[in-house]
């Protein structure tokens, strides 16, 4: 929580956003740690970003992209687990010792293939 951060570790960039076209939403002020402000300033110095807003918008875009990727991975993983459980319920499972021996064999083959 921001209240837990000591004052000397916090600075405030003049960041005000309204991420919606709805007039009912007011811009928000964001308080950043000094490391975060420094990071933003370094991004601005590269010339890739012209404004603080551009840096923050890119950060949100990447966060949204990461979240979508995670949700897709989670959905795919759940489907794979469901398939595996169905196979086990039909008696199609493999003994643990056999699985471990297969992994050991693959690991041995990989080690032998390395120069």
PDB file of N, CA and C in Angstrom:
ATOM      1  N   UNK A   1       0.841  -1.177   0.000  1.00  0.00           N
ATOM      2  CA  UNK A   1       0.000   0.000   0.000  1.00  0.00           C
ATOM      3  C   UNK A   1       0.883   1.235   0.000  1.00  0.00           C
ATOM      4  N   UNK A   2       0.396   2.280  -0.618  1.00  0.00           N
ATOM      5  CA  UNK A   2       1.170   3.508  -0.678  1.00  0.00           C
ATOM      6  C   UNK A   2       1.383   4.104   0.706  1.00  0.00           C
ATOM      7  N   UNK A   3       0.439   3.906   1.608  1.00  0.00           N
ATOM      8  CA  UNK A   3       0.587   4.461   2.954  1.00  0.00           C
ATOM      9  C   UNK A   3       1.770   3.845   3.684  1.00  0.00           C
ATOM     10  N   UNK A   4       2.165   2.646   3.286  1.00  0.00           N
ATOM     11  CA  UNK A   4       3.269   1.954   3.932  1.00  0.00           C
ATOM     12  C   UNK A   4       4.633   2.392   3.425  1.00  0.00           C
ATOM     13  N   UNK A   5       4.674   3.152   2.350  1.00  0.00           N
ATOM     14  CA  UNK A   5       5.941   3.561   1.757  1.00  0.00           C
ATOM     15  C   UNK A   5       6.442   4.806   2.476  1.00  0.00           C
ATOM     16  N   UNK A   6       7.696   4.775   2.872  1.00  0.00           N
ATOM     17  CA  UNK A   6       8.271   5.923   3.548  1.00  0.00           C
ATOM     18  C   UNK A   6       8.349   7.101   2.591  1.00  0.00           C
ATOM     19  N   UNK A   7       8.166   8.306   3.117  1.00  0.00           N
ATOM     20  CA  UNK A   7       8.092   9.513   2.295  1.00  0.00           C
ATOM     21  C   UNK A   7       9.341   9.710   1.444  1.00  0.00           C
ATOM     22  N   UNK A   8      10.517   9.366   1.945  1.00  0.00           N
ATOM     23  CA  UNK A   8      11.729   9.609   1.167  1.00  0.00           C
ATOM     24  C   UNK A   8      11.848   8.686  -0.040  1.00  0.00           C
ATOM     25  N   UNK A   9      11.042   7.644  -0.106  1.00  0.00           N
ATOM     26  CA  UNK A   9      11.086   6.714  -1.229  1.00  0.00           C
ATOM     27  C   UNK A   9      10.001   6.999  -2.266  1.00  0.00           C
ATOM     28  N   UNK A  10       9.276   8.093  -2.092  1.00  0.00           N
ATOM     29  CA  UNK A  10       8.164   8.392  -2.976  1.00  0.00           C
ATOM     30  C   UNK A  10       8.365   9.758  -3.609  1.00  0.00           C
ATOM     31  N   UNK A  11       8.112   9.838  -4.880  1.00  0.00           N
ATOM     32  CA  UNK A  11       8.078  11.120  -5.553  1.00  0.00           C
ATOM     33  C   UNK A  11       6.818  11.141  -6.387  1.00  0.00           C
ATOM     34  N   UNK A  12       6.474  12.274  -6.892  1.00  0.00           N
ATOM     35  CA  UNK A  12       5.233  12.354  -7.652  1.00  0.00           C
ATOM     36  C   UNK A  12       5.498  13.028  -8.978  1.00  0.00           C
ATOM     37  N   UNK A  13       5.289  12.279 -10.049  1.00  0.00           N
ATOM     38  CA  UNK A  13       5.347  12.856 -11.380  1.00  0.00           C
ATOM     39  C   UNK A  13       3.977  13.455 -11.681  1.00  0.00           C
ATOM     40  N   UNK A  14       3.946  14.453 -12.515  1.00  0.00           N
ATOM     41  CA  UNK A  14       2.641  15.031 -12.855  1.00  0.00           C
ATOM     42  C   UNK A  14       1.904  14.142 -13.851  1.00  0.00           C
ATOM     43  N   UNK A  15       1.392  13.038 -13.357  1.00  0.00           N
ATOM     44  CA  UNK A  15       0.696  12.076 -14.214  1.00  0.00           C
ATOM     45  C   UNK A  15      -0.789  12.157 -13.903  1.00  0.00           C
ATOM     46  N   UNK A  16      -1.566  12.519 -14.891  1.00  0.00           N
ATOM     47  CA  UNK A  16      -3.015  12.567 -14.734  1.00  0.00           C
ATOM     48  C   UNK A  16      -3.630  11.885 -15.941  1.00  0.00           C
ATOM     49  N   UNK A  17      -4.475  10.894 -15.677  1.00  0.00           N
ATOM     50  CA  UNK A  17      -5.047  10.113 -16.757  1.00  0.00           C
ATOM     51  C   UNK A  17      -6.553  10.036 -16.653  1.00  0.00           C
ATOM     52  N   UNK A  18      -7.168   9.877 -17.784  1.00  0.00           N
ATOM     53  CA  UNK A  18      -8.559   9.470 -17.860  1.00  0.00           C
ATOM     54  C   UNK A  18      -8.606   8.461 -19.002  1.00  0.00           C
ATOM     55  N   UNK A  19      -8.706   7.178 -18.676  1.00  0.00           N
ATOM     56  CA  UNK A  19      -8.617   6.121 -19.672  1.00  0.00           C
ATOM     57  C   UNK A  19      -9.965   5.778 -20.298  1.00  0.00           C
ATOM     58  N   UNK A  20     -10.949   6.583 -20.055  1.00  0.00           N
ATOM     59  CA  UNK A  20     -12.254   6.313 -20.638  1.00  0.00           C
ATOM     60  C   UNK A  20     -12.781   7.567 -21.305  1.00  0.00           C
ATOM     61  N   UNK A  21     -13.606   7.378 -22.300  1.00  0.00           N
ATOM     62  CA  UNK A  21     -14.210   8.520 -22.955  1.00  0.00           C
ATOM     63  C   UNK A  21     -15.435   9.024 -22.193  1.00  0.00           C
ATOM     64  N   UNK A  22     -15.794   8.330 -21.136  1.00  0.00           N
ATOM     65  CA  UNK A  22     -16.945   8.754 -20.340  1.00  0.00           C
ATOM     66  C   UNK A  22     -16.575   9.975 -19.511  1.00  0.00           C
ATOM     67  N   UNK A  23     -17.382  10.992 -19.602  1.00  0.00           N
ATOM     68  CA  UNK A  23     -17.113  12.246 -18.883  1.00  0.00           C
ATOM     69  C   UNK A  23     -17.230  12.078 -17.372  1.00  0.00           C
ATOM     70  N   UNK A  24     -17.890  11.025 -16.913  1.00  0.00           N
ATOM     71  CA  UNK A  24     -18.088  10.838 -15.479  1.00  0.00           C
ATOM     72  C   UNK A  24     -16.796  10.448 -14.758  1.00  0.00           C
ATOM     73  N   UNK A  25     -15.812   9.922 -15.484  1.00  0.00           N
ATOM     74  CA  UNK A  25     -14.555   9.530 -14.857  1.00  0.00           C
ATOM     75  C   UNK A  25     -13.618  10.719 -14.805  1.00  0.00           C
ATOM     76  N   UNK A  26     -13.041  10.915 -13.636  1.00  0.00           N
ATOM     77  CA  UNK A  26     -12.100  12.016 -13.462  1.00  0.00           C
ATOM     78  C   UNK A  26     -10.685  11.498 -13.631  1.00  0.00           C
ATOM     79  N   UNK A  27      -9.777  12.368 -14.075  1.00  0.00           N
ATOM     80  CA  UNK A  27      -8.373  11.950 -14.159  1.00  0.00           C
ATOM     81  C   UNK A  27      -7.873  11.533 -12.780  1.00  0.00           C
ATOM     82  N   UNK A  28      -6.905  10.618 -12.749  1.00  0.00           N
ATOM     83  CA  UNK A  28      -6.349  10.179 -11.471  1.00  0.00           C
ATOM     84  C   UNK A  28      -4.902  10.632 -11.357  1.00  0.00           C
ATOM     85  N   UNK A  29      -4.507  10.906 -10.154  1.00  0.00           N
ATOM     86  CA  UNK A  29      -3.120  11.245  -9.872  1.00  0.00           C
ATOM     87  C   UNK A  29      -2.447   9.996  -9.334  1.00  0.00           C
ATOM     88  N   UNK A  30      -1.280   9.676  -9.879  1.00  0.00           N
ATOM     89  CA  UNK A  30      -0.557   8.477  -9.482  1.00  0.00           C
ATOM     90  C   UNK A  30       0.730   8.886  -8.783  1.00  0.00           C
ATOM     91  N   UNK A  31       0.977   8.336  -7.605  1.00  0.00           N
ATOM     92  CA  UNK A  31       2.208   8.598  -6.880  1.00  0.00           C
ATOM     93  C   UNK A  31       3.160   7.438  -7.127  1.00  0.00           C
ATOM     94  N   UNK A  32       4.374   7.745  -7.540  1.00  0.00           N
ATOM     95  CA  UNK A  32       5.357   6.732  -7.890  1.00  0.00           C
ATOM     96  C   UNK A  32       6.510   6.711  -6.900  1.00  0.00           C
ATOM     97  N   UNK A  33       7.120   5.540  -6.762  1.00  0.00           N
ATOM     98  CA  UNK A  33       8.372   5.434  -6.015  1.00  0.00           C
ATOM     99  C   UNK A  33       9.458   6.105  -6.848  1.00  0.00           C
ATOM    100  N   UNK A  34      10.513   6.519  -6.212  1.00  0.00           N
ATOM    101  CA  UNK A  34      11.584   7.211  -6.931  1.00  0.00           C
ATOM    102  C   UNK A  34      12.191   6.321  -8.022  1.00  0.00           C
ATOM    103  N   UNK A  35      12.262   5.000  -7.789  1.00  0.00           N
ATOM    104  CA  UNK A  35      12.799   4.091  -8.797  1.00  0.00           C
ATOM    105  C   UNK A  35      11.904   4.066 -10.035  1.00  0.00           C
ATOM    106  N   UNK A  36      10.604   4.142  -9.821  1.00  0.00           N
ATOM    107  CA  UNK A  36       9.673   4.140 -10.939  1.00  0.00           C
ATOM    108  C   UNK A  36       9.786   5.439 -11.742  1.00  0.00           C
ATOM    109  N   UNK A  37       9.899   6.540 -11.041  1.00  0.00           N
ATOM    110  CA  UNK A  37      10.066   7.819 -11.718  1.00  0.00           C
ATOM    111  C   UNK A  37      11.362   7.827 -12.524  1.00  0.00           C
ATOM    112  N   UNK A  38      12.423   7.300 -11.940  1.00  0.00           N
ATOM    113  CA  UNK A  38      13.715   7.229 -12.630  1.00  0.00           C
ATOM    114  C   UNK A  38      13.590   6.374 -13.891  1.00  0.00           C
ATOM    115  N   UNK A  39      12.890   5.267 -13.792  1.00  0.00           N
ATOM    116  CA  UNK A  39      12.683   4.383 -14.935  1.00  0.00           C
ATOM    117  C   UNK A  39      11.970   5.132 -16.061  1.00  0.00           C
ATOM    118  N   UNK A  40      10.921   5.856 -15.716  1.00  0.00           N
ATOM    119  CA  UNK A  40      10.177   6.620 -16.716  1.00  0.00           C
ATOM    120  C   UNK A  40      11.070   7.681 -17.340  1.00  0.00           C
ATOM    121  N   UNK A  41      11.836   8.376 -16.532  1.00  0.00           N
ATOM    122  CA  UNK A  41      12.731   9.412 -17.055  1.00  0.00           C
ATOM    123  C   UNK A  41      13.768   8.804 -18.005  1.00  0.00           C
ATOM    124  N   UNK A  42      14.275   7.619 -17.677  1.00  0.00           N
ATOM    125  CA  UNK A  42      15.238   6.944 -18.552  1.00  0.00           C
ATOM    126  C   UNK A  42      14.596   6.585 -19.892  1.00  0.00           C
ATOM    127  N   UNK A  43      13.342   6.158 -19.857  1.00  0.00           N
ATOM    128  CA  UNK A  43      12.633   5.841 -21.097  1.00  0.00           C
ATOM    129  C   UNK A  43      12.456   7.095 -21.952  1.00  0.00           C
ATOM    130  N   UNK A  44      12.158   8.212 -21.315  1.00  0.00           N
ATOM    131  CA  UNK A  44      12.005   9.470 -22.047  1.00  0.00           C
ATOM    132  C   UNK A  44      13.325   9.899 -22.681  1.00  0.00           C
ATOM    133  N   UNK A  45      14.422   9.696 -21.982  1.00  0.00           N
ATOM    134  CA  UNK A  45      15.740  10.095 -22.489  1.00  0.00           C
ATOM    135  C   UNK A  45      16.134   9.314 -23.742  1.00  0.00           C
ATOM    136  N   UNK A  46      15.607   8.098 -23.904  1.00  0.00           N
ATOM    137  CA  UNK A  46      15.954   7.312 -25.093  1.00  0.00           C
ATOM    138  C   UNK A  46      15.365   7.920 -26.356  1.00  0.00           C
ATOM    139  N   UNK A  47      14.348   8.727 -26.202  1.00  0.00           N
ATOM    140  CA  UNK A  47      13.698   9.335 -27.355  1.00  0.00           C
ATOM    141  C   UNK A  47      12.592   8.486 -27.944  1.00  0.00           C
ATOM    142  N   UNK A  48      12.457   7.268 -27.485  1.00  0.00           N
ATOM    143  CA  UNK A  48      11.402   6.385 -28.012  1.00  0.00           C
ATOM    144  C   UNK A  48      10.029   6.899 -27.587  1.00  0.00           C
ATOM    145  N   UNK A  49       9.964   7.484 -26.414  1.00  0.00           N
ATOM    146  CA  UNK A  49       8.710   8.023 -25.894  1.00  0.00           C
ATOM    147  C   UNK A  49       8.857   9.530 -25.741  1.00  0.00           C
ATOM    148  N   UNK A  50       7.838  10.259 -26.171  1.00  0.00           N
ATOM    149  CA  UNK A  50       7.919  11.716 -26.128  1.00  0.00           C
ATOM    150  C   UNK A  50       7.320  12.305 -24.851  1.00  0.00           C
ATOM    151  N   UNK A  51       6.426  11.547 -24.210  1.00  0.00           N
ATOM    152  CA  UNK A  51       5.770  12.040 -23.004  1.00  0.00           C
ATOM    153  C   UNK A  51       5.690  10.946 -21.944  1.00  0.00           C
ATOM    154  N   UNK A  52       5.462  11.375 -20.714  1.00  0.00           N
ATOM    155  CA  UNK A  52       5.243  10.426 -19.623  1.00  0.00           C
ATOM    156  C   UNK A  52       3.997   9.601 -19.927  1.00  0.00           C
ATOM    157  N   UNK A  53       2.965  10.259 -20.466  1.00  0.00           N
ATOM    158  CA  UNK A  53       1.743   9.541 -20.820  1.00  0.00           C
ATOM    159  C   UNK A  53       2.029   8.386 -21.770  1.00  0.00           C
ATOM    160  N   UNK A  54       2.895   8.614 -22.755  1.00  0.00           N
ATOM    161  CA  UNK A  54       3.217   7.572 -23.731  1.00  0.00           C
ATOM    162  C   UNK A  54       3.870   6.368 -23.050  1.00  0.00           C
ATOM    163  N   UNK A  55       4.732   6.602 -22.076  1.00  0.00           N
ATOM    164  CA  UNK A  55       5.380   5.509 -21.342  1.00  0.00           C
ATOM    165  C   UNK A  55       4.335   4.718 -20.563  1.00  0.00           C
ATOM    166  N   UNK A  56       3.466   5.421 -19.870  1.00  0.00           N
ATOM    167  CA  UNK A  56       2.442   4.763 -19.051  1.00  0.00           C
ATOM    168  C   UNK A  56       1.453   3.997 -19.932  1.00  0.00           C
ATOM    169  N   UNK A  57       1.050   4.583 -21.038  1.00  0.00           N
ATOM    170  CA  UNK A  57       0.114   3.904 -21.935  1.00  0.00           C
ATOM    171  C   UNK A  57       0.732   2.620 -22.474  1.00  0.00           C
ATOM    172  N   UNK A  58       2.019   2.670 -22.843  1.00  0.00           N
ATOM    173  CA  UNK A  58       2.705   1.462 -23.315  1.00  0.00           C
ATOM    174  C   UNK A  58       2.777   0.413 -22.206  1.00  0.00           C
ATOM    175  N   UNK A  59       3.011   0.845 -20.982  1.00  0.00           N
ATOM    176  CA  UNK A  59       3.066  -0.092 -19.859  1.00  0.00           C
ATOM    177  C   UNK A  59       1.722  -0.789 -19.676  1.00  0.00           C
ATOM    178  N   UNK A  60       0.629  -0.036 -19.776  1.00  0.00           N
ATOM    179  CA  UNK A  60      -0.691  -0.642 -19.657  1.00  0.00           C
ATOM    180  C   UNK A  60      -0.979  -1.584 -20.820  1.00  0.00           C
ATOM    181  N   UNK A  61      -0.542  -1.223 -22.026  1.00  0.00           N
ATOM    182  CA  UNK A  61      -0.746  -2.083 -23.184  1.00  0.00           C
ATOM    183  C   UNK A  61      -0.043  -3.427 -22.973  1.00  0.00           C
ATOM    184  N   UNK A  62       1.207  -3.360 -22.483  1.00  0.00           N
ATOM    185  CA  UNK A  62       1.965  -4.586 -22.247  1.00  0.00           C
ATOM    186  C   UNK A  62       1.362  -5.414 -21.114  1.00  0.00           C
ATOM    187  N   UNK A  63       0.872  -4.754 -20.080  1.00  0.00           N
ATOM    188  CA  UNK A  63       0.226  -5.460 -18.972  1.00  0.00           C
ATOM    189  C   UNK A  63      -1.031  -6.176 -19.458  1.00  0.00           C
ATOM    190  N   UNK A  64      -1.813  -5.505 -20.281  1.00  0.00           N
ATOM    191  CA  UNK A  64      -3.012  -6.129 -20.833  1.00  0.00           C
ATOM    192  C   UNK A  64      -2.651  -7.326 -21.706  1.00  0.00           C
ATOM    193  N   UNK A  65      -1.607  -7.177 -22.522  1.00  0.00           N
ATOM    194  CA  UNK A  65      -1.143  -8.268 -23.381  1.00  0.00           C
ATOM    195  C   UNK A  65      -0.697  -9.465 -22.534  1.00  0.00           C
ATOM    196  N   UNK A  66       0.056  -9.198 -21.467  1.00  0.00           N
ATOM    197  CA  UNK A  66       0.518 -10.276 -20.589  1.00  0.00           C
ATOM    198  C   UNK A  66      -0.655 -10.974 -19.919  1.00  0.00           C
ATOM    199  N   UNK A  67      -1.635 -10.179 -19.453  1.00  0.00           N
ATOM    200  CA  UNK A  67      -2.800 -10.768 -18.795  1.00  0.00           C
ATOM    201  C   UNK A  67      -3.591 -11.662 -19.750  1.00  0.00           C
ATOM    202  N   UNK A  68      -3.750 -11.219 -20.998  1.00  0.00           N
ATOM    203  CA  UNK A  68      -4.464 -12.032 -21.992  1.00  0.00           C
ATOM    204  C   UNK A  68      -3.712 -13.329 -22.268  1.00  0.00           C
ATOM    205  N   UNK A  69      -2.387 -13.237 -22.369  1.00  0.00           N
ATOM    206  CA  UNK A  69      -1.569 -14.430 -22.594  1.00  0.00           C
ATOM    207  C   UNK A  69      -1.729 -15.407 -21.430  1.00  0.00           C
ATOM    208  N   UNK A  70      -1.698 -14.891 -20.209  1.00  0.00           N
ATOM    209  CA  UNK A  70      -1.845 -15.745 -19.031  1.00  0.00           C
ATOM    210  C   UNK A  70      -3.221 -16.415 -19.020  1.00  0.00           C
ATOM    211  N   UNK A  71      -4.276 -15.663 -19.306  1.00  0.00           N
ATOM    212  CA  UNK A  71      -5.622 -16.233 -19.312  1.00  0.00           C
ATOM    213  C   UNK A  71      -5.743 -17.338 -20.352  1.00  0.00           C
ATOM    214  N   UNK A  72      -5.132 -17.130 -21.521  1.00  0.00           N
ATOM    215  CA  UNK A  72      -5.155 -18.158 -22.563  1.00  0.00           C
ATOM    216  C   UNK A  72      -4.408 -19.403 -22.088  1.00  0.00           C
ATOM    217  N   UNK A  73      -3.227 -19.200 -21.489  1.00  0.00           N
ATOM    218  CA  UNK A  73      -2.444 -20.324 -20.974  1.00  0.00           C
ATOM    219  C   UNK A  73      -3.227 -21.083 -19.904  1.00  0.00           C
ATOM    220  N   UNK A  74      -3.879 -20.351 -19.009  1.00  0.00           N
ATOM    221  CA  UNK A  74      -4.645 -20.968 -17.930  1.00  0.00           C
ATOM    222  C   UNK A  74      -5.793 -21.799 -18.487  1.00  0.00           C
ATOM    223  N   UNK A  75      -6.502 -21.262 -19.480  1.00  0.00           N
ATOM    224  CA  UNK A  75      -7.604 -21.997 -20.099  1.00  0.00           C
ATOM    225  C   UNK A  75      -7.104 -23.277 -20.769  1.00  0.00           C
ATOM    226  N   UNK A  76      -5.984 -23.174 -21.503  1.00  0.00           N
ATOM    227  CA  UNK A  76      -5.417 -24.346 -22.170  1.00  0.00           C
ATOM    228  C   UNK A  76      -4.952 -25.387 -21.156  1.00  0.00           C
ATOM    229  N   UNK A  77      -4.351 -24.933 -20.076  1.00  0.00           N
ATOM    230  CA  UNK A  77      -3.872 -25.851 -19.031  1.00  0.00           C
ATOM    231  C   UNK A  77      -5.030 -26.581 -18.376  1.00  0.00           C
ATOM    232  N   UNK A  78      -6.100 -25.859 -18.099  1.00  0.00           N
ATOM    233  CA  UNK A  78      -7.280 -26.490 -17.492  1.00  0.00           C
ATOM    234  C   UNK A  78      -7.854 -27.570 -18.414  1.00  0.00           C
ATOM    235  N   UNK A  79      -7.873 -27.296 -19.721  1.00  0.00           N
ATOM    236  CA  UNK A  79      -8.379 -28.286 -20.675  1.00  0.00           C
ATOM    237  C   UNK A  79      -7.487 -29.524 -20.676  1.00  0.00           C
ATOM    238  N   UNK A  80      -6.166 -29.315 -20.650  1.00  0.00           N
ATOM    239  CA  UNK A  80      -5.231 -30.450 -20.641  1.00  0.00           C
ATOM    240  C   UNK A  80      -5.387 -31.282 -19.377  1.00  0.00           C
ATOM    241  N   UNK A  81      -5.577 -30.625 -18.251  1.00  0.00           N
ATOM    242  CA  UNK A  81      -5.770 -31.352 -16.994  1.00  0.00           C
ATOM    243  C   UNK A  81      -7.062 -32.161 -17.051  1.00  0.00           C
ATOM    244  N   UNK A  82      -8.120 -31.563 -17.604  1.00  0.00           N
ATOM    245  CA  UNK A  82      -9.400 -32.283 -17.726  1.00  0.00           C
ATOM    246  C   UNK A  82      -9.240 -33.520 -18.602  1.00  0.00           C
ATOM    247  N   UNK A  83      -8.514 -33.394 -19.721  1.00  0.00           N
ATOM    248  CA  UNK A  83      -8.268 -34.541 -20.602  1.00  0.00           C
ATOM    249  C   UNK A  83      -7.483 -35.607 -19.851  1.00  0.00           C
ATOM    250  N   UNK A  84      -6.462 -35.194 -19.117  1.00  0.00           N
ATOM    251  CA  UNK A  84      -5.655 -36.142 -18.355  1.00  0.00           C
ATOM    252  C   UNK A  84      -6.471 -36.872 -17.302  1.00  0.00           C
ATOM    253  N   UNK A  85      -7.331 -36.143 -16.616  1.00  0.00           N
ATOM    254  CA  UNK A  85      -8.178 -36.782 -15.606  1.00  0.00           C
ATOM    255  C   UNK A  85      -9.148 -37.775 -16.238  1.00  0.00           C
ATOM    256  N   UNK A  86      -9.696 -37.419 -17.394  1.00  0.00           N
ATOM    257  CA  UNK A  86     -10.585 -38.348 -18.103  1.00  0.00           C
ATOM    258  C   UNK A  86      -9.830 -39.624 -18.487  1.00  0.00           C
ATOM    259  N   UNK A  87      -8.587 -39.461 -18.952  1.00  0.00           N
ATOM    260  CA  UNK A  87      -7.785 -40.626 -19.324  1.00  0.00           C
ATOM    261  C   UNK A  87      -7.517 -41.501 -18.105  1.00  0.00           C
ATOM    262  N   UNK A  88      -7.193 -40.872 -16.987  1.00  0.00           N
ATOM    263  CA  UNK A  88      -6.964 -41.646 -15.762  1.00  0.00           C
ATOM    264  C   UNK A  88      -8.221 -42.390 -15.338  1.00  0.00           C
ATOM    265  N   UNK A  89      -9.370 -41.715 -15.447  1.00  0.00           N
ATOM    266  CA  UNK A  89     -10.636 -42.362 -15.072  1.00  0.00           C
ATOM    267  C   UNK A  89     -10.965 -43.549 -15.965  1.00  0.00           C
ATOM    268  N   UNK A  90     -10.462 -43.537 -17.196  1.00  0.00           N
ATOM    269  CA  UNK A  90     -10.675 -44.667 -18.114  1.00  0.00           C
ATOM    270  C   UNK A  90      -9.583 -45.728 -17.954  1.00  0.00           C
ATOM    271  N   UNK A  91      -8.663 -45.506 -17.011  1.00  0.00           N
ATOM    272  CA  UNK A  91      -7.604 -46.478 -16.782  1.00  0.00           C
ATOM    273  C   UNK A  91      -6.446 -46.363 -17.747  1.00  0.00           C
ATOM    274  N   UNK A  92      -6.301 -45.209 -18.387  1.00  0.00           N
ATOM    275  CA  UNK A  92      -5.254 -45.021 -19.382  1.00  0.00           C
ATOM    276  C   UNK A  92      -3.993 -44.371 -18.797  1.00  0.00           C
ATOM    277  N   UNK A  93      -3.880 -44.383 -17.508  1.00  0.00           N
ATOM    278  CA  UNK A  93      -2.721 -43.765 -16.873  1.00  0.00           C
ATOM    279  C   UNK A  93      -1.458 -44.602 -17.035  1.00  0.00           C
ATOM    280  N   UNK A  94      -0.321 -43.993 -16.785  1.00  0.00           N
ATOM    281  CA  UNK A  94       0.966 -44.683 -16.874  1.00  0.00           C
ATOM    282  C   UNK A  94       1.559 -44.721 -15.471  1.00  0.00           C
ATOM    283  N   UNK A  95       2.125 -45.850 -15.109  1.00  0.00           N
ATOM    284  CA  UNK A  95       2.763 -45.996 -13.799  1.00  0.00           C
ATOM    285  C   UNK A  95       3.844 -44.926 -13.615  1.00  0.00           C
ATOM    286  N   UNK A  96       3.927 -44.393 -12.426  1.00  0.00           N
ATOM    287  CA  UNK A  96       4.900 -43.339 -12.112  1.00  0.00           C
ATOM    288  C   UNK A  96       6.337 -43.739 -12.406  1.00  0.00           C
ATOM    289  N   UNK A  97       6.698 -44.973 -12.109  1.00  0.00           N
ATOM    290  CA  UNK A  97       8.063 -45.445 -12.347  1.00  0.00           C
ATOM    291  C   UNK A  97       8.404 -45.436 -13.835  1.00  0.00           C
ATOM    292  N   UNK A  98       7.438 -45.775 -14.663  1.00  0.00           N
ATOM    293  CA  UNK A  98       7.652 -45.768 -16.119  1.00  0.00           C
ATOM    294  C   UNK A  98       7.877 -44.333 -16.592  1.00  0.00           C
ATOM    295  N   UNK A  99       7.089 -43.414 -16.090  1.00  0.00           N
ATOM    296  CA  UNK A  99       7.235 -42.004 -16.473  1.00  0.00           C
ATOM    297  C   UNK A  99       8.614 -41.478 -16.067  1.00  0.00           C
ATOM    298  N   UNK A 100       9.027 -41.784 -14.858  1.00  0.00           N
ATOM    299  CA  UNK A 100      10.338 -41.325 -14.371  1.00  0.00           C
ATOM    300  C   UNK A 100      11.452 -41.916 -15.227  1.00  0.00           C
ATOM    301  N   UNK A 101      11.359 -43.186 -15.566  1.00  0.00           N
ATOM    302  CA  UNK A 101      12.380 -43.815 -16.410  1.00  0.00           C
ATOM    303  C   UNK A 101      12.439 -43.177 -17.798  1.00  0.00           C
ATOM    304  N   UNK A 102      11.273 -42.811 -18.336  1.00  0.00           N
ATOM    305  CA  UNK A 102      11.247 -42.134 -19.641  1.00  0.00           C
ATOM    306  C   UNK A 102      11.938 -40.768 -19.553  1.00  0.00           C
ATOM    307  N   UNK A 103      11.656 -40.024 -18.474  1.00  0.00           N
ATOM    308  CA  UNK A 103      12.302 -38.721 -18.285  1.00  0.00           C
ATOM    309  C   UNK A 103      13.819 -38.874 -18.144  1.00  0.00           C
ATOM    310  N   UNK A 104      14.230 -39.880 -17.391  1.00  0.00           N
ATOM    311  CA  UNK A 104      15.664 -40.114 -17.220  1.00  0.00           C
ATOM    312  C   UNK A 104      16.324 -40.430 -18.557  1.00  0.00           C
ATOM    313  N   UNK A 105      15.650 -41.214 -19.376  1.00  0.00           N
ATOM    314  CA  UNK A 105      16.194 -41.575 -20.692  1.00  0.00           C
ATOM    315  C   UNK A 105      16.297 -40.339 -21.593  1.00  0.00           C
ATOM    316  N   UNK A 106      15.282 -39.499 -21.579  1.00  0.00           N
ATOM    317  CA  UNK A 106      15.322 -38.266 -22.376  1.00  0.00           C
ATOM    318  C   UNK A 106      16.449 -37.354 -21.893  1.00  0.00           C
ATOM    319  N   UNK A 107      16.611 -37.242 -20.600  1.00  0.00           N
ATOM    320  CA  UNK A 107      17.672 -36.406 -20.028  1.00  0.00           C
ATOM    321  C   UNK A 107      19.044 -36.947 -20.419  1.00  0.00           C
ATOM    322  N   UNK A 108      19.218 -38.267 -20.354  1.00  0.00           N
ATOM    323  CA  UNK A 108      20.476 -38.886 -20.743  1.00  0.00           C
ATOM    324  C   UNK A 108      20.784 -38.605 -22.213  1.00  0.00           C
ATOM    325  N   UNK A 109      19.771 -38.735 -23.062  1.00  0.00           N
ATOM    326  CA  UNK A 109      19.952 -38.488 -24.495  1.00  0.00           C
ATOM    327  C   UNK A 109      20.323 -37.031 -24.759  1.00  0.00           C
ATOM    328  N   UNK A 110      19.708 -36.119 -24.043  1.00  0.00           N
ATOM    329  CA  UNK A 110      20.047 -34.694 -24.196  1.00  0.00           C
ATOM    330  C   UNK A 110      21.488 -34.411 -23.776  1.00  0.00           C
ATOM    331  N   UNK A 111      21.905 -35.016 -22.672  1.00  0.00           N
ATOM    332  CA  UNK A 111      23.273 -34.818 -22.191  1.00  0.00           C
ATOM    333  C   UNK A 111      24.287 -35.364 -23.200  1.00  0.00           C
ATOM    334  N   UNK A 112      23.982 -36.511 -23.772  1.00  0.00           N
ATOM    335  CA  UNK A 112      24.888 -37.119 -24.759  1.00  0.00           C
ATOM    336  C   UNK A 112      24.965 -36.299 -26.045  1.00  0.00           C
ATOM    337  N   UNK A 113      23.877 -35.617 -26.360  1.00  0.00           N
ATOM    338  CA  UNK A 113      23.839 -34.816 -27.594  1.00  0.00           C
ATOM    339  C   UNK A 113      24.596 -33.501 -27.465  1.00  0.00           C
ATOM    340  N   UNK A 114      24.869 -33.083 -26.230  1.00  0.00           N
ATOM    341  CA  UNK A 114      25.603 -31.819 -26.021  1.00  0.00           C
ATOM    342  C   UNK A 114      27.082 -32.027 -26.316  1.00  0.00           C
ATOM    343  N   UNK A 115      27.707 -30.997 -26.933  1.00  0.00           N
ATOM    344  CA  UNK A 115      29.145 -31.123 -27.237  1.00  0.00           C
ATOM    345  C   UNK A 115      30.015 -31.128 -26.000  1.00  0.00           C
TER     346      UNK A 115
END
